[in-house]
Amino acid sequence: MESFSLILAIVVVTALAFDFTNGFHDTANAMATTISTGALKPKVAVAMSAVLNLVGAFLSVEVANTISKGLVDETGIRPEVIFAALVGAILWNLLTWLVGLPSSSSHALLGGLIGAAVASAGIGAVNGDVLVTKVLLPAIAAPIVAGVAAMLASRLTYTLGRKADGKAAAKGYRAGQIASAGLVSLAHGTNDAQKTMGIITLALIAGGSLAPDSDPPVWVILSAGLAIALGTYLGGWRIIRTMGKGLTDLQPQQGFAAQTSAATVILASSHLGFSLSTTHSVSGAVMGAGLGRKGGVVRWSTATRMFVAWGLTLPAAAVVAALAEWICRLGDWGTALVAVILIASSFAIWRISRREVVDHTNVVGEDTAGAQEPEPAGVVTTAMAAVSPPPAGVTEDLAATLPAPATTPDPKAPSAATTV
């Protein structure tokens, strides 16, 4: 075994930095709906999510093994390649965080790894069957499955609770929402924290500090869990705002249905070793829950921006990582230059974010950059609303706002002119 080299130490630190950005980028996955419906205070929500992310990191290593043993050929990978992959992933995470888009940290990491590996060793360095079966197919299926499940669950909860006392039902669903949010956080730890474990393990194997086909060491599991927990605690407030109010307006019943559906999909995928996007799963569940309430509206302009970001994540991170790998190939000074570019770019993005501060004090306030403003119903929402009668109380409220119908005067009735 070779000694723990400087470049390997740099890769490990950069991987933990990515894990940190993953934490605050994906806090919205577990806690956006809980915060937006008022089930938990913002700071309490992110603290709870941080603890459960750390616990979830110790529950499984299947996803970590997919990253470290299956996606790329570990025999042809150098630590510099993994460093370049992490640069592409971190920069994409920070850019999407800046604009408040819930894109996939997982796909940013995988895209960076694929781009750097191809730039270094050619297209043969990527295992295509693993890429398709454990990355691309889950990326498409997860949001659809979670969305349909959340829509059906929302409709079921409204149907079952139709005759329940309103305040008691809302209180019960808030409690259920807190429990389901905790389950999403736990599931997030079992999936996303493992991706960093897999990257660090791959780097240790590439650097000769671990034997091929090794599982992640305990210190790798612990450090990855702590990094993602710390990032989660700081809270990605910009993305929480988008997920909680910018995409749709959720009631406690819908929040409970969305989080339960997403957690089920994520936990099942973690058990199977699928490196799916937890962001895609939760976003799909939120949209499905939005359509599950009669009269509910999904803001398709925001959803379209999300879809575009999802489609760009893998190729954008891959291109940046490939460029970083090309510079690193120039030698130690090239690696140092890439590190300087990463630090300078991260600082610049942070400075730009200070122009409009979003934190726990205004994440659900009225000044949320138009997130509270209604959006005209689109084709999908209109179609969904057309097949269902309006919810109880809406018909009466609508009738009260309409003018009284005109009546035909009775010729036998005395007119105002003849009335004394």
Protein backbone atom coordinates (compact mmCIF):
# COMPACT_ATOMS: atom_id res chain seq x y z
CA MET A 1 0.00 0.00 0.00
CA GLU A 2 1.29 3.50 -0.83
CA SER A 3 1.29 6.29 1.69
CA PHE A 4 -1.53 8.80 1.94
CA SER A 5 -0.27 11.35 -0.62
CA LEU A 6 -0.96 15.07 -0.81
CA ILE A 7 -3.19 14.74 -3.87
CA LEU A 8 -5.18 12.04 -2.13
CA ALA A 9 -5.66 14.30 0.88
CA ILE A 10 -6.83 17.09 -1.44
CA VAL A 11 -9.33 14.73 -3.08
CA VAL A 12 -10.73 13.62 0.28
CA VAL A 13 -11.14 17.22 1.48
CA THR A 14 -12.78 18.22 -1.82
CA ALA A 15 -15.11 15.23 -1.62
CA LEU A 16 -16.22 16.28 1.86
CA ALA A 17 -16.72 19.83 0.55
CA PHE A 18 -19.01 18.38 -2.13
CA ASP A 19 -20.83 16.40 0.55
CA PHE A 20 -21.32 19.64 2.48
CA THR A 21 -22.85 21.36 -0.59
CA ASN A 22 -24.99 18.27 -1.13
CA GLY A 23 -26.34 18.68 2.39
CA PHE A 24 -27.49 22.29 2.09
CA HIS A 25 -28.53 21.80 -1.54
CA ASP A 26 -30.84 18.91 -0.64
CA THR A 27 -32.23 20.08 2.72
CA ALA A 28 -35.35 21.11 0.80
CA ASN A 29 -35.99 17.49 -0.15
CA ALA A 30 -36.92 16.57 3.40
CA MET A 31 -38.04 19.81 5.00
CA ALA A 32 -39.44 22.22 2.40
CA THR A 33 -43.04 21.04 2.68
CA THR A 34 -42.82 20.68 6.46
CA ILE A 35 -41.62 24.27 6.77
CA SER A 36 -44.05 25.70 4.20
CA THR A 37 -47.10 24.16 5.91
CA GLY A 38 -45.93 25.31 9.36
CA ALA A 39 -45.54 21.81 10.79
CA LEU A 40 -42.05 22.69 12.07
CA LYS A 41 -40.11 25.90 12.59
CA PRO A 42 -37.31 26.29 10.01
CA LYS A 43 -34.33 25.91 12.38
CA VAL A 44 -35.91 22.96 14.19
CA ALA A 45 -36.64 21.27 10.87
CA VAL A 46 -33.08 21.51 9.53
CA ALA A 47 -31.60 20.37 12.86
CA MET A 48 -33.82 17.29 12.85
CA SER A 49 -32.93 16.60 9.23
CA ALA A 50 -29.20 16.90 9.94
CA VAL A 51 -29.28 14.32 12.74
CA LEU A 52 -31.27 11.82 10.68
CA ASN A 53 -28.99 12.28 7.65
CA LEU A 54 -26.07 11.29 9.86
CA VAL A 55 -27.92 8.22 11.13
CA GLY A 56 -28.93 7.21 7.61
CA ALA A 57 -25.30 7.28 6.46
CA PHE A 58 -24.58 4.22 8.63
CA LEU A 59 -27.50 2.09 7.45
CA SER A 60 -26.21 0.85 4.08
CA VAL A 61 -23.24 0.89 1.68
CA GLU A 62 -24.96 -0.46 -1.45
CA VAL A 63 -25.02 2.90 -3.25
CA ALA A 64 -21.41 3.59 -2.21
CA ASN A 65 -20.39 0.29 -3.78
CA THR A 66 -22.20 1.21 -7.01
CA ILE A 67 -20.07 4.37 -7.22
CA SER A 68 -16.74 2.87 -6.14
CA LYS A 69 -16.98 -0.51 -7.88
CA GLY A 70 -19.48 -0.38 -10.71
CA LEU A 71 -19.85 2.92 -12.59
CA VAL A 72 -16.27 3.41 -13.84
CA ASP A 73 -13.27 1.15 -14.27
CA GLU A 74 -11.33 1.80 -11.06
CA THR A 75 -8.09 0.37 -12.47
CA GLY A 76 -7.62 3.29 -14.86
CA ILE A 77 -8.63 6.09 -12.53
CA ARG A 78 -6.09 8.45 -10.92
CA PRO A 79 -6.85 10.65 -7.87
CA GLU A 80 -6.56 13.73 -10.12
CA VAL A 81 -9.45 12.40 -12.19
CA ILE A 82 -11.68 12.17 -9.13
CA PHE A 83 -10.62 15.66 -8.07
CA ALA A 84 -11.69 17.01 -11.47
CA ALA A 85 -15.03 15.18 -11.15
CA LEU A 86 -15.67 16.82 -7.79
CA VAL A 87 -14.87 20.28 -9.19
CA GLY A 88 -17.56 19.89 -11.84
CA ALA A 89 -20.11 18.65 -9.29
CA ILE A 90 -19.43 21.39 -6.72
CA LEU A 91 -19.65 24.25 -9.22
CA TRP A 92 -22.95 22.96 -10.62
CA ASN A 93 -24.35 22.58 -7.10
CA LEU A 94 -23.42 26.14 -6.21
CA LEU A 95 -24.81 27.62 -9.42
CA THR A 96 -28.17 25.90 -9.06
CA TRP A 97 -28.30 26.82 -5.37
CA LEU A 98 -27.71 30.46 -6.29
CA VAL A 99 -30.78 30.55 -8.54
CA GLY A 100 -32.84 28.38 -6.17
CA LEU A 101 -33.27 25.40 -8.49
CA PRO A 102 -33.61 21.94 -6.89
CA SER A 103 -31.33 20.11 -9.31
CA SER A 104 -29.69 16.78 -8.53
CA SER A 105 -26.45 16.74 -6.53
CA SER A 106 -26.25 13.04 -7.32
CA HIS A 107 -26.34 13.57 -11.06
CA ALA A 108 -23.85 16.42 -10.76
CA LEU A 109 -21.44 14.03 -9.06
CA LEU A 110 -22.05 11.21 -11.50
CA GLY A 111 -21.80 13.56 -14.48
CA GLY A 112 -18.52 14.92 -13.16
CA LEU A 113 -17.15 11.42 -12.63
CA ILE A 114 -18.18 10.29 -16.12
CA GLY A 115 -16.78 13.41 -17.80
CA ALA A 116 -13.43 13.21 -16.01
CA ALA A 117 -13.12 9.45 -16.57
CA VAL A 118 -13.84 9.76 -20.29
CA ALA A 119 -11.38 12.64 -20.64
CA SER A 120 -8.71 10.60 -18.87
CA ALA A 121 -9.15 7.05 -20.18
CA GLY A 122 -11.72 7.21 -22.98
CA ILE A 123 -15.33 6.11 -23.24
CA GLY A 124 -14.40 2.56 -22.28
CA ALA A 125 -13.71 3.70 -18.72
CA VAL A 126 -17.47 4.00 -18.10
CA ASN A 127 -19.54 0.85 -17.57
CA GLY A 128 -22.50 1.56 -19.80
CA ASP A 129 -24.82 -1.12 -18.41
CA VAL A 130 -24.41 0.20 -14.85
CA LEU A 131 -24.94 3.77 -16.07
CA VAL A 132 -28.22 2.84 -17.76
CA THR A 133 -29.69 0.41 -15.21
CA LYS A 134 -28.64 2.08 -11.96
CA VAL A 135 -28.49 5.78 -12.91
CA LEU A 136 -30.42 6.79 -16.04
CA LEU A 137 -33.48 4.55 -15.72
CA PRO A 138 -34.01 5.39 -12.01
CA ALA A 139 -33.62 9.08 -12.93
CA ILE A 140 -36.63 8.80 -15.23
CA ALA A 141 -38.72 6.36 -13.22
CA ALA A 142 -38.25 7.77 -9.69
CA PRO A 143 -40.04 11.14 -10.10
CA ILE A 144 -42.86 9.53 -12.09
CA VAL A 145 -43.44 6.77 -9.54
CA ALA A 146 -43.18 9.18 -6.60
CA GLY A 147 -45.47 11.70 -8.32
CA VAL A 148 -48.22 9.22 -9.15
CA ALA A 149 -48.03 7.70 -5.66
CA ALA A 150 -48.24 11.14 -4.02
CA MET A 151 -51.19 12.19 -6.18
CA LEU A 152 -53.15 9.04 -5.35
CA ALA A 153 -52.20 9.26 -1.66
CA SER A 154 -53.34 12.90 -1.52
CA ARG A 155 -56.70 12.08 -3.04
CA LEU A 156 -57.11 9.16 -0.67
CA THR A 157 -56.36 11.29 2.39
CA TYR A 158 -58.87 13.93 1.36
CA THR A 159 -61.49 11.27 0.70
CA LEU A 160 -60.96 9.51 4.02
CA GLY A 161 -60.83 12.78 5.96
CA ARG A 162 -63.85 14.39 4.34
CA LYS A 163 -66.02 14.02 7.44
CA ALA A 164 -63.26 14.52 10.00
CA ASP A 165 -63.04 17.58 12.20
CA GLY A 166 -60.94 20.14 10.32
CA LYS A 167 -58.67 21.25 13.16
CA ALA A 168 -58.14 17.75 14.54
CA ALA A 169 -57.36 16.37 11.09
CA ALA A 170 -54.89 19.16 10.36
CA LYS A 171 -53.13 18.56 13.67
CA GLY A 172 -52.89 14.84 12.97
CA TYR A 173 -51.52 15.37 9.48
CA ARG A 174 -48.94 17.82 10.78
CA ALA A 175 -47.71 15.14 13.18
CA GLY A 176 -47.63 12.66 10.31
CA GLN A 177 -45.79 15.19 8.19
CA ILE A 178 -43.07 15.56 10.82
CA ALA A 179 -42.64 11.78 10.95
CA SER A 180 -42.56 11.45 7.16
CA ALA A 181 -40.07 14.33 6.87
CA GLY A 182 -37.83 12.46 9.29
CA LEU A 183 -38.16 9.38 7.11
CA VAL A 184 -37.11 11.37 4.03
CA SER A 185 -34.05 12.69 5.91
CA LEU A 186 -33.13 9.18 6.95
CA ALA A 187 -33.57 7.95 3.38
CA HIS A 188 -31.47 10.85 2.08
CA GLY A 189 -28.62 9.77 4.36
CA THR A 190 -28.84 6.20 3.07
CA ASN A 191 -28.54 7.39 -0.55
CA ASP A 192 -26.77 10.73 -0.98
CA ALA A 193 -24.22 10.45 1.84
CA GLN A 194 -23.14 7.14 0.33
CA LYS A 195 -22.24 8.76 -2.97
CA THR A 196 -19.45 10.71 -1.28
CA MET A 197 -18.39 7.56 0.55
CA GLY A 198 -18.13 5.83 -2.81
CA ILE A 199 -16.09 8.68 -4.32
CA ILE A 200 -13.64 8.74 -1.39
CA THR A 201 -13.34 4.95 -1.47
CA LEU A 202 -12.67 5.08 -5.23
CA ALA A 203 -9.97 7.70 -4.63
CA LEU A 204 -8.35 5.59 -1.90
CA ILE A 205 -8.31 2.59 -4.24
CA ALA A 206 -6.89 4.70 -7.09
CA GLY A 207 -4.21 6.10 -4.77
CA GLY A 208 -3.22 2.68 -3.49
CA SER A 209 -4.41 3.22 0.08
CA LEU A 210 -7.14 0.58 -0.22
CA ALA A 211 -7.27 -2.77 -1.93
CA PRO A 212 -9.54 -3.07 -4.99
CA ASP A 213 -13.19 -3.98 -4.27
CA SER A 214 -12.92 -2.69 -0.67
CA ASP A 215 -15.97 -1.39 1.20
CA PRO A 216 -15.84 2.15 2.63
CA PRO A 217 -13.80 2.30 5.88
CA VAL A 218 -15.57 3.44 9.05
CA TRP A 219 -13.78 6.81 9.07
CA VAL A 220 -15.04 7.45 5.54
CA ILE A 221 -18.62 6.66 6.55
CA LEU A 222 -18.38 8.88 9.63
CA SER A 223 -16.77 11.85 7.88
CA ALA A 224 -19.24 11.72 4.96
CA GLY A 225 -22.17 11.52 7.37
CA LEU A 226 -20.91 14.48 9.40
CA ALA A 227 -20.24 16.62 6.31
CA ILE A 228 -23.71 16.12 4.84
CA ALA A 229 -25.30 16.63 8.28
CA LEU A 230 -23.48 19.96 8.74
CA GLY A 231 -24.52 21.15 5.30
CA THR A 232 -28.10 20.10 6.02
CA TYR A 233 -28.14 22.04 9.29
CA LEU A 234 -27.06 25.26 7.58
CA GLY A 235 -30.06 24.87 5.31
CA GLY A 236 -30.37 25.55 1.58
CA TRP A 237 -32.97 28.24 2.14
CA ARG A 238 -33.17 29.34 -1.49
CA ILE A 239 -34.13 25.87 -2.67
CA ILE A 240 -36.42 25.33 0.32
CA ARG A 241 -38.31 28.44 -0.81
CA THR A 242 -38.73 27.06 -4.33
CA MET A 243 -39.77 23.58 -3.20
CA GLY A 244 -42.05 24.79 -0.41
CA LYS A 245 -43.94 27.60 -2.14
CA GLY A 246 -42.58 28.21 -5.62
CA LEU A 247 -43.69 24.87 -7.09
CA THR A 248 -47.15 24.49 -5.57
CA ASP A 249 -49.03 25.36 -2.37
CA LEU A 250 -49.38 22.34 -0.13
CA GLN A 251 -51.69 21.64 2.76
CA PRO A 252 -50.60 19.28 5.57
CA GLN A 253 -52.43 16.34 3.96
CA GLN A 254 -50.51 16.85 0.73
CA GLY A 255 -47.21 17.36 2.52
CA PHE A 256 -47.65 14.08 4.35
CA ALA A 257 -48.51 12.24 1.14
CA ALA A 258 -45.58 13.76 -0.79
CA GLN A 259 -42.96 12.98 1.84
CA THR A 260 -44.18 9.46 2.51
CA SER A 261 -44.20 8.62 -1.20
CA ALA A 262 -40.74 10.08 -1.79
CA ALA A 263 -39.23 8.33 1.24
CA THR A 264 -40.61 4.97 0.10
CA VAL A 265 -39.07 5.38 -3.37
CA ILE A 266 -35.68 6.50 -1.99
CA LEU A 267 -35.41 3.73 0.60
CA ALA A 268 -36.32 1.06 -1.94
CA SER A 269 -33.73 2.43 -4.37
CA SER A 270 -31.03 2.54 -1.69
CA HIS A 271 -31.71 -1.09 -0.84
CA LEU A 272 -31.30 -2.05 -4.52
CA GLY A 273 -28.14 0.05 -4.93
CA PHE A 274 -29.75 2.50 -7.38
CA SER A 275 -27.96 5.84 -7.42
CA LEU A 276 -31.12 7.82 -8.03
CA SER A 277 -31.67 11.52 -7.45
CA THR A 278 -33.45 12.20 -4.17
CA THR A 279 -34.21 15.68 -5.54
CA HIS A 280 -36.03 14.23 -8.55
CA SER A 281 -38.01 11.88 -6.32
CA VAL A 282 -39.13 14.58 -3.88
CA SER A 283 -39.87 17.12 -6.63
CA GLY A 284 -42.01 14.58 -8.46
CA ALA A 285 -43.84 13.76 -5.24
CA VAL A 286 -44.48 17.46 -4.50
CA MET A 287 -45.95 18.02 -7.97
CA GLY A 288 -48.05 14.88 -7.68
CA ALA A 289 -49.37 15.99 -4.31
CA GLY A 290 -50.16 19.41 -5.76
CA LEU A 291 -52.33 17.77 -8.40
CA GLY A 292 -53.86 15.44 -5.82
CA ARG A 293 -55.96 18.17 -4.21
CA LYS A 294 -59.04 19.22 -6.14
CA GLY A 295 -58.34 22.67 -7.48
CA GLY A 296 -54.63 22.37 -6.73
CA VAL A 297 -52.26 24.20 -9.08
CA VAL A 298 -48.69 23.32 -10.01
CA ARG A 299 -46.65 26.31 -11.17
CA TRP A 300 -45.47 24.87 -14.44
CA SER A 301 -43.15 27.78 -15.20
CA THR A 302 -41.09 26.85 -12.13
CA ALA A 303 -41.40 23.15 -12.94
CA THR A 304 -40.14 23.78 -16.48
CA ARG A 305 -37.05 25.53 -15.15
CA MET A 306 -36.46 22.52 -12.92
CA PHE A 307 -36.81 20.08 -15.82
CA VAL A 308 -34.30 22.06 -17.88
CA ALA A 309 -31.85 22.03 -14.97
CA TRP A 310 -32.34 18.27 -14.56
CA GLY A 311 -31.54 17.70 -18.23
CA LEU A 312 -28.43 19.90 -18.10
CA THR A 313 -26.98 18.53 -14.86
CA LEU A 314 -25.18 15.43 -16.16
CA PRO A 315 -23.70 16.98 -19.34
CA ALA A 316 -22.83 20.34 -17.71
CA ALA A 317 -20.98 18.74 -14.80
CA ALA A 318 -19.30 16.32 -17.23
CA VAL A 319 -17.99 19.14 -19.44
CA VAL A 320 -16.61 21.15 -16.50
CA ALA A 321 -15.01 18.03 -15.03
CA ALA A 322 -13.44 17.11 -18.39
CA LEU A 323 -11.92 20.59 -18.68
CA ALA A 324 -10.64 20.37 -15.11
CA GLU A 325 -9.09 16.97 -15.81
CA TRP A 326 -7.35 18.35 -18.91
CA ILE A 327 -5.78 21.13 -16.81
CA CYS A 328 -4.81 18.70 -14.03
CA ARG A 329 -3.00 16.60 -16.64
CA LEU A 330 -0.46 19.42 -17.00
CA GLY A 331 1.10 18.49 -13.66
CA ASP A 332 1.04 19.69 -10.07
CA TRP A 333 0.72 23.31 -11.09
CA GLY A 334 -2.30 22.39 -13.20
CA THR A 335 -3.98 20.74 -10.21
CA ALA A 336 -3.17 23.80 -8.13
CA LEU A 337 -4.69 26.05 -10.81
CA VAL A 338 -7.92 24.02 -10.80
CA ALA A 339 -8.08 24.30 -7.00
CA VAL A 340 -7.65 28.08 -7.23
CA ILE A 341 -10.39 28.32 -9.87
CA LEU A 342 -12.73 26.26 -7.67
CA ILE A 343 -12.12 28.39 -4.59
CA ALA A 344 -12.40 31.68 -6.49
CA SER A 345 -15.59 30.63 -8.28
CA SER A 346 -17.19 29.42 -5.05
CA PHE A 347 -16.38 32.71 -3.33
CA ALA A 348 -17.77 34.71 -6.25
CA ILE A 349 -21.04 32.76 -6.18
CA TRP A 350 -21.32 33.31 -2.42
CA ARG A 351 -20.75 37.05 -2.84
CA ILE A 352 -23.47 37.26 -5.49
CA SER A 353 -25.86 35.40 -3.17
CA ARG A 354 -25.44 38.13 -0.54
CA ARG A 355 -27.24 40.61 -2.78
CA GLU A 356 -30.51 38.91 -1.87
CA VAL A 357 -30.24 37.05 1.41
CA VAL A 358 -32.63 34.15 1.97
CA ASP A 359 -32.53 32.49 5.38
CA HIS A 360 -34.81 30.99 8.03
CA THR A 361 -36.34 34.40 8.77
CA ASN A 362 -37.86 34.95 5.33
CA VAL A 363 -37.96 31.52 3.67
CA VAL A 364 -41.76 31.35 4.00
CA GLY A 365 -42.45 35.10 4.20
CA GLU A 366 -44.43 37.23 1.80
CA ASP A 367 -41.27 38.60 0.23
CA THR A 368 -40.32 35.39 -1.46
CA ALA A 369 -39.59 36.82 -4.87
CA GLY A 370 -43.04 36.25 -6.19
CA ALA A 371 -43.31 32.65 -5.03
CA GLN A 372 -46.64 33.43 -3.37
CA GLU A 373 -48.17 34.99 -6.46
CA PRO A 374 -50.73 32.81 -8.22
CA GLU A 375 -49.96 31.47 -11.66
CA PRO A 376 -52.63 30.83 -14.28
CA ALA A 377 -53.52 27.18 -14.54
CA GLY A 378 -51.70 25.40 -17.33
CA VAL A 379 -52.92 22.66 -19.63
CA VAL A 380 -52.09 19.82 -17.24
CA THR A 381 -53.65 21.46 -14.20
CA THR A 382 -56.77 22.43 -16.16
CA ALA A 383 -57.15 18.87 -17.43
CA MET A 384 -56.77 17.44 -13.93
CA ALA A 385 -59.29 19.88 -12.50
CA ALA A 386 -61.81 19.14 -15.26
CA VAL A 387 -62.24 15.51 -14.29
CA SER A 388 -63.08 16.23 -10.65
CA PRO A 389 -65.88 18.22 -9.01
CA PRO A 390 -64.79 21.24 -6.98
CA PRO A 391 -64.01 20.66 -3.30
CA ALA A 392 -66.65 21.11 -0.63
CA GLY A 393 -67.45 24.77 -0.02
CA VAL A 394 -66.06 26.05 -3.31
CA THR A 395 -69.42 25.86 -5.13
CA GLU A 396 -71.15 27.88 -2.41
CA ASP A 397 -68.38 30.47 -2.33
CA LEU A 398 -68.49 30.82 -6.11
CA ALA A 399 -72.28 31.21 -6.12
CA ALA A 400 -72.03 33.97 -3.53
CA THR A 401 -69.76 36.01 -5.82
CA LEU A 402 -72.03 35.79 -8.89
CA PRO A 403 -74.69 38.43 -9.64
CA ALA A 404 -78.30 37.49 -9.12
CA PRO A 405 -79.94 36.14 -12.30
CA ALA A 406 -82.20 38.48 -14.21
CA THR A 407 -85.92 37.76 -13.83
CA THR A 408 -88.82 38.40 -16.24
CA PRO A 409 -91.22 40.99 -14.76
CA ASP A 410 -94.72 39.78 -13.94
CA PRO A 411 -97.20 41.76 -16.06
CA LYS A 412 -99.82 41.45 -13.31
CA ALA A 413 -97.56 42.93 -10.66
CA PRO A 414 -97.94 46.66 -10.04
CA SER A 415 -95.08 48.75 -11.39
CA ALA A 416 -93.12 51.24 -9.32
CA ALA A 417 -94.74 54.04 -11.25
CA THR A 418 -98.28 53.00 -10.21
CA THR A 419 -97.39 52.22 -6.62
CA VAL A 420 -98.57 54.87 -4.24
